[in-house]
C-alpha cells in the first residue's frame, strides 16, 4: 500500500509518501488508521487529530468503512486554513 501525507501530516511524519505492507486483519480505512497508530510513536503523534483528516482511497473519498487492499493508494489530507 502507498500512503501519501499532506500539509502538517507530511511534516509530522517526516515524509510525503511511504510504502507499507497491509496486514490481513486490516480490511477498511478505520482499521487501517487504528492499526497505523500502534506501529510507532511517529504515527501516534501525527494521528492525534486524525478524525479531522480527509481520507482518499484510489482517488475516492473514503469513510472509515471504506475497504482497503494492499495495492491501494491512501491519501491523508488534513484541513488547511489560509488567507
PDB file of N, CA and C in Angstrom:
ATOM      1  N   UNK A   1       0.841  -1.161   0.000  1.00  0.00           N
ATOM      2  CA  UNK A   1       0.000   0.000   0.000  1.00  0.00           C
ATOM      3  C   UNK A   1       0.893   1.233   0.000  1.00  0.00           C
ATOM      4  N   UNK A   2       0.446   2.243  -0.718  1.00  0.00           N
ATOM      5  CA  UNK A   2       1.133   3.530  -0.711  1.00  0.00           C
ATOM      6  C   UNK A   2       0.343   4.483   0.171  1.00  0.00           C
ATOM      7  N   UNK A   3       1.017   5.113   1.123  1.00  0.00           N
ATOM      8  CA  UNK A   3       0.420   6.153   1.956  1.00  0.00           C
ATOM      9  C   UNK A   3       1.005   7.488   1.527  1.00  0.00           C
ATOM     10  N   UNK A   4       0.141   8.473   1.311  1.00  0.00           N
ATOM     11  CA  UNK A   4       0.586   9.827   0.962  1.00  0.00           C
ATOM     12  C   UNK A   4       0.054  10.797   2.014  1.00  0.00           C
ATOM     13  N   UNK A   5       0.946  11.648   2.502  1.00  0.00           N
ATOM     14  CA  UNK A   5       0.600  12.612   3.541  1.00  0.00           C
ATOM     15  C   UNK A   5       0.701  14.026   2.991  1.00  0.00           C
ATOM     16  N   UNK A   6      -0.196  14.891   3.428  1.00  0.00           N
ATOM     17  CA  UNK A   6      -0.186  16.284   3.001  1.00  0.00           C
ATOM     18  C   UNK A   6      -0.162  17.208   4.215  1.00  0.00           C
ATOM     19  N   UNK A   7       0.277  18.456   3.975  1.00  0.00           N
ATOM     20  CA  UNK A   7       0.269  19.542   4.959  1.00  0.00           C
ATOM     21  C   UNK A   7       0.974  19.133   6.246  1.00  0.00           C
ATOM     22  N   UNK A   8       0.354  19.414   7.410  1.00  0.00           N
ATOM     23  CA  UNK A   8       1.035  19.139   8.680  1.00  0.00           C
ATOM     24  C   UNK A   8       1.241  17.654   8.936  1.00  0.00           C
ATOM     25  N   UNK A   9       0.469  16.796   8.313  1.00  0.00           N
ATOM     26  CA  UNK A   9       0.735  15.362   8.455  1.00  0.00           C
ATOM     27  C   UNK A   9       2.067  15.001   7.812  1.00  0.00           C
ATOM     28  N   UNK A  10       2.341  15.556   6.653  1.00  0.00           N
ATOM     29  CA  UNK A  10       3.619  15.318   5.972  1.00  0.00           C
ATOM     30  C   UNK A  10       4.768  15.785   6.862  1.00  0.00           C
ATOM     31  N   UNK A  11       4.614  16.952   7.453  1.00  0.00           N
ATOM     32  CA  UNK A  11       5.663  17.486   8.328  1.00  0.00           C
ATOM     33  C   UNK A  11       5.870  16.588   9.550  1.00  0.00           C
ATOM     34  N   UNK A  12       4.786  16.155  10.163  1.00  0.00           N
ATOM     35  CA  UNK A  12       4.893  15.306  11.356  1.00  0.00           C
ATOM     36  C   UNK A  12       5.431  13.914  11.045  1.00  0.00           C
ATOM     37  N   UNK A  13       5.115  13.394   9.870  1.00  0.00           N
ATOM     38  CA  UNK A  13       5.587  12.062   9.502  1.00  0.00           C
ATOM     39  C   UNK A  13       7.033  12.081   9.003  1.00  0.00           C
ATOM     40  N   UNK A  14       7.491  13.254   8.552  1.00  0.00           N
ATOM     41  CA  UNK A  14       8.863  13.353   8.063  1.00  0.00           C
ATOM     42  C   UNK A  14       9.030  12.868   6.637  1.00  0.00           C
ATOM     43  N   UNK A  15       7.915  12.643   5.939  1.00  0.00           N
ATOM     44  CA  UNK A  15       7.971  12.216   4.537  1.00  0.00           C
ATOM     45  C   UNK A  15       6.614  12.496   3.898  1.00  0.00           C
ATOM     46  N   UNK A  16       6.590  12.520   2.574  1.00  0.00           N
ATOM     47  CA  UNK A  16       5.341  12.740   1.850  1.00  0.00           C
ATOM     48  C   UNK A  16       4.672  11.430   1.456  1.00  0.00           C
ATOM     49  N   UNK A  17       5.485  10.404   1.266  1.00  0.00           N
ATOM     50  CA  UNK A  17       4.979   9.117   0.781  1.00  0.00           C
ATOM     51  C   UNK A  17       5.751   7.987   1.439  1.00  0.00           C
ATOM     52  N   UNK A  18       5.054   6.910   1.714  1.00  0.00           N
ATOM     53  CA  UNK A  18       5.743   5.702   2.161  1.00  0.00           C
ATOM     54  C   UNK A  18       4.939   4.477   1.758  1.00  0.00           C
ATOM     55  N   UNK A  19       5.632   3.367   1.676  1.00  0.00           N
ATOM     56  CA  UNK A  19       5.014   2.092   1.315  1.00  0.00           C
ATOM     57  C   UNK A  19       4.925   1.231   2.565  1.00  0.00           C
ATOM     58  N   UNK A  20       3.786   0.589   2.744  1.00  0.00           N
ATOM     59  CA  UNK A  20       3.610  -0.332   3.867  1.00  0.00           C
ATOM     60  C   UNK A  20       3.025  -1.637   3.341  1.00  0.00           C
ATOM     61  N   UNK A  21       3.204  -2.680   4.113  1.00  0.00           N
ATOM     62  CA  UNK A  21       2.553  -3.950   3.827  1.00  0.00           C
ATOM     63  C   UNK A  21       1.353  -4.028   4.751  1.00  0.00           C
ATOM     64  N   UNK A  22       0.204  -4.139   4.165  1.00  0.00           N
ATOM     65  CA  UNK A  22      -1.052  -4.159   4.915  1.00  0.00           C
ATOM     66  C   UNK A  22      -1.258  -5.535   5.547  1.00  0.00           C
ATOM     67  N   UNK A  23      -1.465  -5.593   6.853  1.00  0.00           N
ATOM     68  CA  UNK A  23      -1.741  -6.894   7.474  1.00  0.00           C
ATOM     69  C   UNK A  23      -3.103  -7.432   7.045  1.00  0.00           C
ATOM     70  N   UNK A  24      -3.248  -8.726   7.038  1.00  0.00           N
ATOM     71  CA  UNK A  24      -4.508  -9.365   6.623  1.00  0.00           C
ATOM     72  C   UNK A  24      -5.705  -8.921   7.440  1.00  0.00           C
ATOM     73  N   UNK A  25      -5.498  -8.598   8.709  1.00  0.00           N
ATOM     74  CA  UNK A  25      -6.617  -8.243   9.587  1.00  0.00           C
ATOM     75  C   UNK A  25      -7.182  -6.852   9.322  1.00  0.00           C
ATOM     76  N   UNK A  26      -6.482  -6.035   8.540  1.00  0.00           N
ATOM     77  CA  UNK A  26      -6.944  -4.674   8.245  1.00  0.00           C
ATOM     78  C   UNK A  26      -7.773  -4.700   6.972  1.00  0.00           C
ATOM     79  N   UNK A  27      -9.072  -4.400   7.108  1.00  0.00           N
ATOM     80  CA  UNK A  27      -9.989  -4.531   5.985  1.00  0.00           C
ATOM     81  C   UNK A  27     -10.589  -3.220   5.503  1.00  0.00           C
ATOM     82  N   UNK A  28     -10.507  -2.153   6.328  1.00  0.00           N
ATOM     83  CA  UNK A  28     -11.116  -0.889   5.926  1.00  0.00           C
ATOM     84  C   UNK A  28     -10.297   0.296   6.448  1.00  0.00           C
ATOM     85  N   UNK A  29     -10.685   1.495   6.067  1.00  0.00           N
ATOM     86  CA  UNK A  29      -9.948   2.707   6.437  1.00  0.00           C
ATOM     87  C   UNK A  29      -9.846   2.851   7.952  1.00  0.00           C
ATOM     88  N   UNK A  30     -10.935   2.638   8.658  1.00  0.00           N
ATOM     89  CA  UNK A  30     -10.916   2.762  10.113  1.00  0.00           C
ATOM     90  C   UNK A  30      -9.917   1.813  10.752  1.00  0.00           C
ATOM     91  N   UNK A  31      -9.919   0.580  10.298  1.00  0.00           N
ATOM     92  CA  UNK A  31      -8.975  -0.406  10.829  1.00  0.00           C
ATOM     93  C   UNK A  31      -7.541  -0.017  10.475  1.00  0.00           C
ATOM     94  N   UNK A  32      -7.341   0.525   9.285  1.00  0.00           N
ATOM     95  CA  UNK A  32      -6.008   0.971   8.872  1.00  0.00           C
ATOM     96  C   UNK A  32      -5.508   2.085   9.784  1.00  0.00           C
ATOM     97  N   UNK A  33      -6.330   3.107  10.003  1.00  0.00           N
ATOM     98  CA  UNK A  33      -5.925   4.228  10.844  1.00  0.00           C
ATOM     99  C   UNK A  33      -5.648   3.771  12.274  1.00  0.00           C
ATOM    100  N   UNK A  34      -6.475   2.894  12.794  1.00  0.00           N
ATOM    101  CA  UNK A  34      -6.263   2.372  14.146  1.00  0.00           C
ATOM    102  C   UNK A  34      -4.969   1.561  14.216  1.00  0.00           C
ATOM    103  N   UNK A  35      -4.720   0.726  13.225  1.00  0.00           N
ATOM    104  CA  UNK A  35      -3.520  -0.114  13.198  1.00  0.00           C
ATOM    105  C   UNK A  35      -2.259   0.735  13.067  1.00  0.00           C
ATOM    106  N   UNK A  36      -2.286   1.730  12.195  1.00  0.00           N
ATOM    107  CA  UNK A  36      -1.098   2.573  11.994  1.00  0.00           C
ATOM    108  C   UNK A  36      -0.659   3.228  13.299  1.00  0.00           C
ATOM    109  N   UNK A  37      -1.616   3.668  14.104  1.00  0.00           N
ATOM    110  CA  UNK A  37      -1.273   4.331  15.365  1.00  0.00           C
ATOM    111  C   UNK A  37      -0.545   3.414  16.341  1.00  0.00           C
ATOM    112  N   UNK A  38      -0.632   2.114  16.132  1.00  0.00           N
ATOM    113  CA  UNK A  38       0.058   1.164  17.016  1.00  0.00           C
ATOM    114  C   UNK A  38       1.452   0.819  16.510  1.00  0.00           C
ATOM    115  N   UNK A  39       1.832   1.319  15.326  1.00  0.00           N
ATOM    116  CA  UNK A  39       3.087   0.895  14.720  1.00  0.00           C
ATOM    117  C   UNK A  39       4.327   1.584  15.282  1.00  0.00           C
ATOM    118  N   UNK A  40       4.244   2.859  15.529  1.00  0.00           N
ATOM    119  CA  UNK A  40       5.353   3.550  16.176  1.00  0.00           C
ATOM    120  C   UNK A  40       4.903   4.925  16.654  1.00  0.00           C
ATOM    121  N   UNK A  41       5.763   5.563  17.404  1.00  0.00           N
ATOM    122  CA  UNK A  41       5.434   6.842  18.027  1.00  0.00           C
ATOM    123  C   UNK A  41       5.140   7.925  16.989  1.00  0.00           C
ATOM    124  N   UNK A  42       5.779   7.835  15.843  1.00  0.00           N
ATOM    125  CA  UNK A  42       5.584   8.805  14.761  1.00  0.00           C
ATOM    126  C   UNK A  42       4.112   8.859  14.349  1.00  0.00           C
ATOM    127  N   UNK A  43       3.495   7.700  14.120  1.00  0.00           N
ATOM    128  CA  UNK A  43       2.080   7.643  13.752  1.00  0.00           C
ATOM    129  C   UNK A  43       1.201   8.117  14.898  1.00  0.00           C
ATOM    130  N   UNK A  44       1.503   7.675  16.091  1.00  0.00           N
ATOM    131  CA  UNK A  44       0.697   8.054  17.254  1.00  0.00           C
ATOM    132  C   UNK A  44       0.658   9.568  17.411  1.00  0.00           C
ATOM    133  N   UNK A  45       1.807  10.211  17.264  1.00  0.00           N
ATOM    134  CA  UNK A  45       1.898  11.668  17.396  1.00  0.00           C
ATOM    135  C   UNK A  45       1.180  12.364  16.242  1.00  0.00           C
ATOM    136  N   UNK A  46       1.449  11.939  15.023  1.00  0.00           N
ATOM    137  CA  UNK A  46       0.885  12.585  13.837  1.00  0.00           C
ATOM    138  C   UNK A  46      -0.625  12.378  13.724  1.00  0.00           C
ATOM    139  N   UNK A  47      -1.115  11.265  14.230  1.00  0.00           N
ATOM    140  CA  UNK A  47      -2.536  10.937  14.086  1.00  0.00           C
ATOM    141  C   UNK A  47      -3.374  11.405  15.276  1.00  0.00           C
ATOM    142  N   UNK A  48      -2.824  12.261  16.107  1.00  0.00           N
ATOM    143  CA  UNK A  48      -3.549  12.741  17.295  1.00  0.00           C
ATOM    144  C   UNK A  48      -4.902  13.338  16.913  1.00  0.00           C
ATOM    145  N   UNK A  49      -4.963  14.033  15.774  1.00  0.00           N
ATOM    146  CA  UNK A  49      -6.214  14.660  15.317  1.00  0.00           C
ATOM    147  C   UNK A  49      -6.714  14.017  14.023  1.00  0.00           C
ATOM    148  N   UNK A  50      -6.569  12.722  13.909  1.00  0.00           N
ATOM    149  CA  UNK A  50      -6.899  12.017  12.671  1.00  0.00           C
ATOM    150  C   UNK A  50      -8.381  12.124  12.313  1.00  0.00           C
ATOM    151  N   UNK A  51      -9.237  12.403  13.280  1.00  0.00           N
ATOM    152  CA  UNK A  51     -10.676  12.488  12.997  1.00  0.00           C
ATOM    153  C   UNK A  51     -11.040  13.646  12.074  1.00  0.00           C
ATOM    154  N   UNK A  52     -10.173  14.661  11.943  1.00  0.00           N
ATOM    155  CA  UNK A  52     -10.470  15.789  11.062  1.00  0.00           C
ATOM    156  C   UNK A  52      -9.807  15.639   9.691  1.00  0.00           C
ATOM    157  N   UNK A  53      -9.066  14.566   9.501  1.00  0.00           N
ATOM    158  CA  UNK A  53      -8.330  14.338   8.257  1.00  0.00           C
ATOM    159  C   UNK A  53      -9.229  13.685   7.218  1.00  0.00           C
ATOM    160  N   UNK A  54      -9.173  14.203   5.992  1.00  0.00           N
ATOM    161  CA  UNK A  54      -9.901  13.589   4.874  1.00  0.00           C
ATOM    162  C   UNK A  54      -9.065  12.446   4.324  1.00  0.00           C
ATOM    163  N   UNK A  55      -9.736  11.348   4.021  1.00  0.00           N
ATOM    164  CA  UNK A  55      -9.052  10.161   3.508  1.00  0.00           C
ATOM    165  C   UNK A  55      -9.562   9.860   2.111  1.00  0.00           C
ATOM    166  N   UNK A  56      -8.633   9.548   1.231  1.00  0.00           N
ATOM    167  CA  UNK A  56      -8.969   9.162  -0.129  1.00  0.00           C
ATOM    168  C   UNK A  56      -8.300   7.817  -0.412  1.00  0.00           C
ATOM    169  N   UNK A  57      -9.050   6.903  -1.019  1.00  0.00           N
ATOM    170  CA  UNK A  57      -8.502   5.610  -1.432  1.00  0.00           C
ATOM    171  C   UNK A  57      -8.655   5.516  -2.940  1.00  0.00           C
ATOM    172  N   UNK A  58      -7.533   5.460  -3.637  1.00  0.00           N
ATOM    173  CA  UNK A  58      -7.542   5.387  -5.104  1.00  0.00           C
ATOM    174  C   UNK A  58      -8.399   6.496  -5.718  1.00  0.00           C
ATOM    175  N   UNK A  59      -8.238   7.707  -5.198  1.00  0.00           N
ATOM    176  CA  UNK A  59      -8.905   8.918  -5.691  1.00  0.00           C
ATOM    177  C   UNK A  59     -10.407   8.968  -5.400  1.00  0.00           C
ATOM    178  N   UNK A  60     -10.864   8.182  -4.428  1.00  0.00           N
ATOM    179  CA  UNK A  60     -12.261   8.208  -3.996  1.00  0.00           C
ATOM    180  C   UNK A  60     -12.309   8.589  -2.523  1.00  0.00           C
ATOM    181  N   UNK A  61     -13.161   9.570  -2.193  1.00  0.00           N
ATOM    182  CA  UNK A  61     -13.334   9.936  -0.789  1.00  0.00           C
ATOM    183  C   UNK A  61     -13.727   8.681  -0.018  1.00  0.00           C
ATOM    184  N   UNK A  62     -13.117   8.492   1.154  1.00  0.00           N
ATOM    185  CA  UNK A  62     -13.332   7.249   1.885  1.00  0.00           C
ATOM    186  C   UNK A  62     -13.608   7.506   3.358  1.00  0.00           C
ATOM    187  N   UNK A  63     -14.723   6.983   3.842  1.00  0.00           N
ATOM    188  CA  UNK A  63     -15.023   6.997   5.262  1.00  0.00           C
ATOM    189  C   UNK A  63     -14.359   5.810   5.935  1.00  0.00           C
ATOM    190  N   UNK A  64     -14.570   5.679   7.224  1.00  0.00           N
ATOM    191  CA  UNK A  64     -13.909   4.625   8.000  1.00  0.00           C
ATOM    192  C   UNK A  64     -14.298   3.217   7.545  1.00  0.00           C
ATOM    193  N   UNK A  65     -15.462   3.042   6.924  1.00  0.00           N
ATOM    194  CA  UNK A  65     -15.906   1.715   6.486  1.00  0.00           C
ATOM    195  C   UNK A  65     -15.449   1.354   5.075  1.00  0.00           C
ATOM    196  N   UNK A  66     -14.802   2.279   4.385  1.00  0.00           N
ATOM    197  CA  UNK A  66     -14.365   2.041   3.008  1.00  0.00           C
ATOM    198  C   UNK A  66     -13.297   0.944   3.000  1.00  0.00           C
ATOM    199  N   UNK A  67     -13.435  -0.072   2.146  1.00  0.00           N
ATOM    200  CA  UNK A  67     -12.461  -1.169   2.127  1.00  0.00           C
ATOM    201  C   UNK A  67     -11.089  -0.737   1.604  1.00  0.00           C
ATOM    202  N   UNK A  68     -10.042  -1.365   2.127  1.00  0.00           N
ATOM    203  CA  UNK A  68      -8.678  -1.131   1.652  1.00  0.00           C
ATOM    204  C   UNK A  68      -8.005  -2.458   1.339  1.00  0.00           C
ATOM    205  N   UNK A  69      -7.058  -2.382   0.388  1.00  0.00           N
ATOM    206  CA  UNK A  69      -6.305  -3.556  -0.042  1.00  0.00           C
ATOM    207  C   UNK A  69      -4.835  -3.171  -0.176  1.00  0.00           C
ATOM    208  N   UNK A  70      -3.984  -4.153  -0.207  1.00  0.00           N
ATOM    209  CA  UNK A  70      -2.546  -3.902  -0.234  1.00  0.00           C
ATOM    210  C   UNK A  70      -2.095  -3.103  -1.459  1.00  0.00           C
ATOM    211  N   UNK A  71      -2.809  -3.192  -2.559  1.00  0.00           N
ATOM    212  CA  UNK A  71      -2.403  -2.489  -3.785  1.00  0.00           C
ATOM    213  C   UNK A  71      -2.955  -1.060  -3.871  1.00  0.00           C
ATOM    214  N   UNK A  72      -3.644  -0.590  -2.847  1.00  0.00           N
ATOM    215  CA  UNK A  72      -4.282   0.732  -2.861  1.00  0.00           C
ATOM    216  C   UNK A  72      -3.306   1.873  -2.587  1.00  0.00           C
ATOM    217  N   UNK A  73      -3.731   3.059  -2.997  1.00  0.00           N
ATOM    218  CA  UNK A  73      -3.068   4.300  -2.624  1.00  0.00           C
ATOM    219  C   UNK A  73      -4.016   5.034  -1.682  1.00  0.00           C
ATOM    220  N   UNK A  74      -3.538   5.333  -0.493  1.00  0.00           N
ATOM    221  CA  UNK A  74      -4.337   6.033   0.510  1.00  0.00           C
ATOM    222  C   UNK A  74      -3.710   7.415   0.742  1.00  0.00           C
ATOM    223  N   UNK A  75      -4.513   8.444   0.572  1.00  0.00           N
ATOM    224  CA  UNK A  75      -4.049   9.816   0.741  1.00  0.00           C
ATOM    225  C   UNK A  75      -4.734  10.407   1.965  1.00  0.00           C
ATOM    226  N   UNK A  76      -3.921  11.021   2.838  1.00  0.00           N
ATOM    227  CA  UNK A  76      -4.423  11.638   4.066  1.00  0.00           C
ATOM    228  C   UNK A  76      -4.204  13.140   3.981  1.00  0.00           C
ATOM    229  N   UNK A  77      -5.300  13.901   4.011  1.00  0.00           N
ATOM    230  CA  UNK A  77      -5.234  15.347   3.838  1.00  0.00           C
ATOM    231  C   UNK A  77      -5.930  16.041   5.009  1.00  0.00           C
ATOM    232  N   UNK A  78      -5.138  16.701   5.859  1.00  0.00           N
ATOM    233  CA  UNK A  78      -5.763  17.453   6.949  1.00  0.00           C
ATOM    234  C   UNK A  78      -6.390  18.738   6.437  1.00  0.00           C
ATOM    235  N   UNK A  79      -7.313  19.311   7.206  1.00  0.00           N
ATOM    236  CA  UNK A  79      -7.888  20.597   6.791  1.00  0.00           C
ATOM    237  C   UNK A  79      -6.792  21.672   6.804  1.00  0.00           C
ATOM    238  N   UNK A  80      -6.870  22.564   5.848  1.00  0.00           N
ATOM    239  CA  UNK A  80      -5.867  23.619   5.715  1.00  0.00           C
ATOM    240  C   UNK A  80      -6.573  24.947   5.705  1.00  0.00           C
ATOM    241  N   UNK A  81      -6.098  25.897   6.489  1.00  0.00           N
ATOM    242  CA  UNK A  81      -6.660  27.252   6.501  1.00  0.00           C
ATOM    243  C   UNK A  81      -5.602  28.202   5.955  1.00  0.00           C
ATOM    244  N   UNK A  82      -6.041  29.179   5.246  1.00  0.00           N
ATOM    245  CA  UNK A  82      -5.108  30.142   4.688  1.00  0.00           C
ATOM    246  C   UNK A  82      -5.790  31.478   4.496  1.00  0.00           C
ATOM    247  N   UNK A  83      -5.000  32.444   4.104  1.00  0.00           N
ATOM    248  CA  UNK A  83      -5.593  33.757   3.947  1.00  0.00           C
ATOM    249  C   UNK A  83      -5.127  34.455   2.720  1.00  0.00           C
TER     250      UNK A  83
END
